[in-house]
Amino acid sequence: QVQLVESGGGLVQPGASLRLTCAASGFTLDNFAVGWFRQAPGKEREGVACISPSDGVFYVDAVKGRFTISRDNSKNTVYLQMNSLKPEDTAVYYCAVNGGYRAMCYGRVTWSDYDYWGRGTQVTVSS
């Protein structure tokens, strides 16, 4: 059974950092692209970052230079390091896996490319 579990969210002040973790079970992540998405109240889910099986990465403009996506295949885990957090980063953050074997990020983070989803972790940035 494929399962993704996000953790690491919390309440932080503007300018702070958080590291989100996406732990997979039931399959190994190393041959699949993994994306991070977020959804703020009243807004649509939006892509944030993607990492390919070959460690190619893609970020949306809103987080470029502040967020870093990485993977540790030995732990079957993907991370999202978030620095210089802003109030507009407040959202539930989800990780997702593109079920296509060795699929790349293709310069986008689009929810329809992803087949397996975690339940999310809340990130709140507020003073």
Foldseek 3Di string as FASTA:
>chain_A
DWAWAKDWADEEAAQAKIKIKIAIPPDFPLFWKKWKWWDDPPGDIATAKIAFSVRDIAGDPVQPPFWDWDDDRVRSMIMIIGGRDDQVVWTWMKMFIQPDGRDGCVRGGDPVRTDGIHPTDTHGYHD
